[in-house]
């Protein structure tokens, strides 16, 4: 069972990561590039190492899957999924819209999620069966009468492989405004009722797991482009929507392109 103790621990993990990250922000540090050309900094590594040190001491039987240091006991019933800096490109550019993602999954389902922005000191937290919070206060997504009223956000057009970019453009054309950049931060803004829809493709498990309890705990929905729940086996195409009443409109807009390919 997920307990308040787990949520308290997750908050402590986020505190430890934030303490590790802050000295590096807008400072000089070493950087390297992974095989897919995505950047990794000393801050990513320091933050994940700080989280892992606490988990190994306090939850020695739980599994850990982290972006930088891989999988430990990942066949455990309970697995912590970590992305120490989601939005490394924003971090490197000095934009405080990256975040630390911490999730606890049980039997493959995310039951706790934290999105932490350590520079602005903004933290969204979600736990199955509880209202999501922003800096400790409950948050709600907002109602959206039609796509014409909607603000849609995505990290960047370059992350839509193949035809998926055309499908996204079709959706964006029906919405009031599109904002680019923001990674995990956009999902917090959905939970707080500032953004209506986030659509992305090519995400990995550590990009997604923490988002689900936050968005759904605020009254929104998260699913894949077929409308199915996001699980560990999902293909990385993700929709977060503040007002679930608009989900069919979004799925329809994203699917329209399929008939032409």
Protein backbone atom coordinates (compact mmCIF):
# COMPACT_ATOMS: atom_id res chain seq x y z
CA UNK A 1 0.00 0.00 0.00
CA UNK A 2 1.09 3.53 -0.73
CA UNK A 3 1.04 5.47 2.50
CA UNK A 4 1.54 8.99 3.72
CA UNK A 5 5.02 7.79 4.75
CA UNK A 6 5.80 7.10 1.10
CA UNK A 7 4.55 10.56 0.12
CA UNK A 8 6.62 12.17 2.88
CA UNK A 9 9.66 10.23 1.65
CA UNK A 10 9.00 11.31 -1.95
CA UNK A 11 8.98 14.93 -0.78
CA UNK A 12 12.30 14.40 1.01
CA UNK A 13 13.74 12.88 -2.16
CA UNK A 14 12.66 15.98 -4.09
CA UNK A 15 14.26 18.21 -1.43
CA UNK A 16 17.55 16.29 -1.75
CA UNK A 17 17.50 16.55 -5.55
CA UNK A 18 16.75 20.28 -5.39
CA UNK A 19 19.67 20.87 -3.02
CA UNK A 20 21.95 19.01 -5.45
CA UNK A 21 20.69 20.90 -8.52
CA UNK A 22 20.57 24.53 -7.35
CA UNK A 23 24.34 25.22 -7.24
CA UNK A 24 24.65 24.17 -10.90
CA UNK A 25 21.84 26.34 -12.31
CA UNK A 26 23.24 29.13 -14.56
CA UNK A 27 26.73 28.09 -13.42
CA UNK A 28 29.66 26.40 -15.15
CA UNK A 29 29.60 22.61 -15.12
CA UNK A 30 30.64 19.58 -17.14
CA UNK A 31 28.34 18.23 -19.79
CA UNK A 32 28.32 15.17 -22.00
CA UNK A 33 26.02 13.85 -24.69
CA UNK A 34 24.32 10.46 -24.76
CA UNK A 35 24.15 8.33 -27.87
CA UNK A 36 20.84 9.99 -28.84
CA UNK A 37 22.58 13.39 -28.50
CA UNK A 38 20.55 14.33 -25.43
CA UNK A 39 22.69 16.25 -22.95
CA UNK A 40 23.56 15.10 -19.42
CA UNK A 41 25.07 17.42 -16.84
CA UNK A 42 26.77 17.01 -13.48
CA UNK A 43 23.52 18.29 -11.99
CA UNK A 44 21.50 15.36 -13.43
CA UNK A 45 23.97 12.90 -11.95
CA UNK A 46 24.28 14.61 -8.57
CA UNK A 47 20.50 14.81 -8.16
CA UNK A 48 19.87 11.16 -9.01
CA UNK A 49 22.75 10.01 -6.79
CA UNK A 50 21.28 12.02 -3.89
CA UNK A 51 17.86 10.38 -4.35
CA UNK A 52 19.29 6.87 -4.68
CA UNK A 53 21.37 7.22 -1.52
CA UNK A 54 18.21 7.92 0.51
CA UNK A 55 16.19 5.13 -1.14
CA UNK A 56 18.91 2.51 -0.61
CA UNK A 57 18.92 3.39 3.09
CA UNK A 58 15.17 3.76 3.70
CA UNK A 59 13.55 1.43 1.13
CA UNK A 60 16.23 -1.24 0.49
CA UNK A 61 13.74 -3.72 -1.00
CA UNK A 62 12.11 -1.31 -3.46
CA UNK A 63 13.27 -1.19 -7.07
CA UNK A 64 14.72 1.94 -8.68
CA UNK A 65 14.71 2.93 -12.34
CA UNK A 66 16.58 6.16 -13.00
CA UNK A 67 17.40 7.98 -16.20
CA UNK A 68 21.11 8.33 -15.42
CA UNK A 69 22.02 5.22 -13.42
CA UNK A 70 19.69 2.58 -14.83
CA UNK A 71 17.69 -0.13 -13.10
CA UNK A 72 18.15 -1.75 -9.69
CA UNK A 73 15.74 -4.50 -8.51
CA UNK A 74 13.31 -3.41 -11.23
CA UNK A 75 11.34 -6.66 -10.83
CA UNK A 76 10.21 -5.57 -7.34
CA UNK A 77 6.53 -4.97 -6.60
CA UNK A 78 7.30 -1.36 -5.72
CA UNK A 79 9.60 0.59 -8.05
CA UNK A 80 10.69 4.23 -7.78
CA UNK A 81 11.10 5.88 -11.18
CA UNK A 82 13.38 8.92 -11.34
CA UNK A 83 14.18 11.62 -13.85
CA UNK A 84 16.52 13.97 -11.97
CA UNK A 85 16.23 16.75 -14.56
CA UNK A 86 13.38 16.47 -17.04
CA UNK A 87 14.06 19.28 -19.47
CA UNK A 88 17.86 19.26 -19.42
CA UNK A 89 17.89 21.54 -22.48
CA UNK A 90 15.92 24.18 -20.56
CA UNK A 91 18.23 23.72 -17.57
CA UNK A 92 21.33 24.26 -19.74
CA UNK A 93 19.77 27.36 -21.32
CA UNK A 94 19.09 28.82 -17.86
CA UNK A 95 15.29 28.50 -18.16
CA UNK A 96 13.67 27.51 -14.84
CA UNK A 97 10.97 25.35 -16.45
CA UNK A 98 12.71 21.98 -16.04
CA UNK A 99 11.75 19.67 -13.20
CA UNK A 100 12.70 16.67 -11.09
CA UNK A 101 10.30 13.75 -11.56
CA UNK A 102 9.84 11.16 -8.83
CA UNK A 103 7.28 8.37 -9.09
CA UNK A 104 6.43 5.31 -7.04
CA UNK A 105 4.83 2.51 -9.05
CA UNK A 106 3.16 -0.57 -7.62
CA UNK A 107 2.57 -3.56 -9.86
CA UNK A 108 3.35 -1.22 -12.77
CA UNK A 109 0.87 1.55 -11.87
CA UNK A 110 2.06 5.00 -10.74
CA UNK A 111 0.64 5.64 -7.25
CA UNK A 112 2.75 8.66 -6.23
CA UNK A 113 4.10 11.40 -8.46
CA UNK A 114 6.10 14.56 -7.81
CA UNK A 115 7.00 17.33 -10.27
CA UNK A 116 9.47 19.66 -8.57
CA UNK A 117 10.87 22.91 -9.96
CA UNK A 118 13.80 23.61 -7.62
CA UNK A 119 14.62 27.16 -8.74
CA UNK A 120 11.11 28.62 -8.47
CA UNK A 121 10.51 26.25 -5.53
CA UNK A 122 7.29 24.99 -7.04
CA UNK A 123 6.16 21.44 -6.36
CA UNK A 124 3.18 19.46 -7.59
CA UNK A 125 2.46 16.21 -5.75
CA UNK A 126 -0.09 13.52 -6.49
CA UNK A 127 -1.05 10.32 -4.70
CA UNK A 128 -3.65 7.76 -5.79
CA UNK A 129 -6.99 8.50 -4.15
CA UNK A 130 -5.96 11.99 -2.98
CA UNK A 131 -6.31 15.48 -4.41
CA UNK A 132 -3.15 16.70 -6.11
CA UNK A 133 -1.39 19.62 -4.45
CA UNK A 134 0.77 22.58 -5.48
CA UNK A 135 3.12 23.65 -2.68
CA UNK A 136 0.83 21.85 -0.26
CA UNK A 137 -2.49 23.37 -1.44
CA UNK A 138 -5.06 21.34 -3.42
CA UNK A 139 -5.25 22.17 -7.14
CA UNK A 140 -7.88 21.57 -9.82
CA UNK A 141 -7.74 21.58 -13.59
CA UNK A 142 -10.06 24.02 -15.35
CA UNK A 143 -13.12 23.44 -17.49
CA UNK A 144 -12.73 23.91 -21.26
CA UNK A 145 -15.89 24.40 -23.31
CA UNK A 146 -14.35 23.66 -26.70
CA UNK A 147 -10.98 23.24 -28.39
CA UNK A 148 -11.32 26.86 -29.60
CA UNK A 149 -10.82 27.92 -25.96
CA UNK A 150 -7.89 25.59 -25.31
CA UNK A 151 -4.20 26.29 -24.74
CA UNK A 152 -2.16 23.30 -25.91
CA UNK A 153 1.48 22.81 -24.90
CA UNK A 154 4.28 20.57 -26.12
CA UNK A 155 8.03 20.39 -25.64
CA UNK A 156 8.96 20.91 -29.28
CA UNK A 157 7.94 20.11 -32.86
CA UNK A 158 11.22 18.25 -33.40
CA UNK A 159 10.11 15.53 -30.96
CA UNK A 160 7.21 14.30 -33.12
CA UNK A 161 8.54 11.39 -35.22
CA UNK A 162 7.15 10.49 -38.65
CA UNK A 163 3.61 11.71 -39.34
CA UNK A 164 2.83 12.45 -35.70
CA UNK A 165 3.83 16.09 -36.18
CA UNK A 166 1.13 16.55 -38.83
CA UNK A 167 -1.45 15.11 -36.46
CA UNK A 168 -0.34 17.48 -33.74
CA UNK A 169 -0.55 20.44 -36.14
CA UNK A 170 -4.12 19.48 -36.99
CA UNK A 171 -5.03 19.56 -33.30
CA UNK A 172 -3.10 22.79 -32.65
CA UNK A 173 -4.94 24.45 -35.55
CA UNK A 174 -8.23 23.92 -33.71
CA UNK A 175 -6.92 25.35 -30.40
CA UNK A 176 -6.67 28.96 -29.30
CA UNK A 177 -2.94 28.92 -28.66
CA UNK A 178 0.10 26.63 -28.72
CA UNK A 179 3.04 27.05 -26.35
CA UNK A 180 6.35 25.27 -26.97
CA UNK A 181 8.93 24.16 -24.42
CA UNK A 182 8.38 23.21 -20.82
CA UNK A 183 8.68 19.42 -20.57
CA UNK A 184 7.19 18.21 -17.27
CA UNK A 185 6.37 21.78 -16.18
CA UNK A 186 3.47 21.87 -18.63
CA UNK A 187 1.76 18.99 -16.84
CA UNK A 188 1.91 20.88 -13.57
CA UNK A 189 0.32 23.84 -15.35
CA UNK A 190 -2.50 21.54 -16.54
CA UNK A 191 -3.05 20.40 -12.94
CA UNK A 192 -3.17 24.03 -11.76
CA UNK A 193 -5.63 25.06 -14.50
CA UNK A 194 -3.39 27.30 -16.63
CA UNK A 195 -2.93 24.99 -19.64
CA UNK A 196 -5.68 22.76 -21.05
CA UNK A 197 -3.90 20.08 -23.08
CA UNK A 198 -0.38 18.64 -23.37
CA UNK A 199 0.40 16.34 -26.30
CA UNK A 200 3.76 14.63 -26.77
CA UNK A 201 5.38 11.73 -28.58
CA UNK A 202 8.57 9.78 -27.94
CA UNK A 203 8.44 9.94 -24.15
CA UNK A 204 10.05 7.27 -21.98
CA UNK A 205 8.79 5.72 -18.75
CA UNK A 206 10.81 8.09 -16.54
CA UNK A 207 9.27 11.07 -18.42
CA UNK A 208 5.70 9.89 -17.78
CA UNK A 209 5.24 7.95 -14.52
CA UNK A 210 5.28 10.90 -12.10
CA UNK A 211 2.88 12.96 -14.20
CA UNK A 212 -0.11 10.63 -13.96
CA UNK A 213 -0.94 10.97 -10.22
CA UNK A 214 -0.53 14.76 -10.46
CA UNK A 215 -2.74 15.34 -13.51
CA UNK A 216 -5.41 12.80 -12.52
CA UNK A 217 -5.36 13.88 -8.86
CA UNK A 218 -6.27 17.39 -10.05
CA UNK A 219 -9.28 16.12 -12.04
CA UNK A 220 -7.58 15.71 -15.42
CA UNK A 221 -6.89 12.60 -17.50
CA UNK A 222 -3.74 11.08 -18.94
CA UNK A 223 -3.80 8.56 -21.75
CA UNK A 224 -2.05 7.53 -24.94
CA UNK A 225 -3.12 8.66 -28.41
CA UNK A 226 -5.59 5.76 -28.59
CA UNK A 227 -7.26 6.96 -25.38
CA UNK A 228 -5.90 4.05 -23.31
CA UNK A 229 -4.36 4.50 -19.85
CA UNK A 230 -0.62 5.16 -19.70
CA UNK A 231 1.29 2.11 -18.42
CA UNK A 232 4.88 0.90 -18.33
CA UNK A 233 4.28 -0.61 -21.77
CA UNK A 234 2.95 2.57 -23.42
CA UNK A 235 4.50 3.69 -26.72
CA UNK A 236 5.51 7.17 -25.52
CA UNK A 237 2.66 9.07 -27.21
CA UNK A 238 0.92 10.89 -24.41
CA UNK A 239 -2.06 13.20 -23.89
CA UNK A 240 -2.74 15.11 -20.68
CA UNK A 241 -6.04 16.94 -20.60
CA UNK A 242 -7.46 19.17 -17.92
CA UNK A 243 -11.11 18.74 -18.86
CA UNK A 244 -11.85 15.07 -19.68
CA UNK A 245 -14.98 16.21 -21.58
CA UNK A 246 -12.67 17.39 -24.40
CA UNK A 247 -10.80 14.11 -24.71
CA UNK A 248 -12.83 12.78 -27.64
CA UNK A 249 -12.24 16.04 -29.55
CA UNK A 250 -8.48 15.72 -29.01
CA UNK A 251 -8.38 12.03 -29.99
CA UNK A 252 -10.40 12.80 -33.12
CA UNK A 253 -8.09 15.65 -34.16
CA UNK A 254 -4.98 13.51 -33.63
CA UNK A 255 -6.48 10.54 -35.51
CA UNK A 256 -7.69 12.41 -38.58
CA UNK A 257 -4.31 12.18 -40.25
CA UNK A 258 -4.32 8.38 -40.10
CA UNK A 259 -6.70 8.09 -43.06
CA UNK A 260 -4.27 9.81 -45.38
CA UNK A 261 -1.21 7.63 -44.71
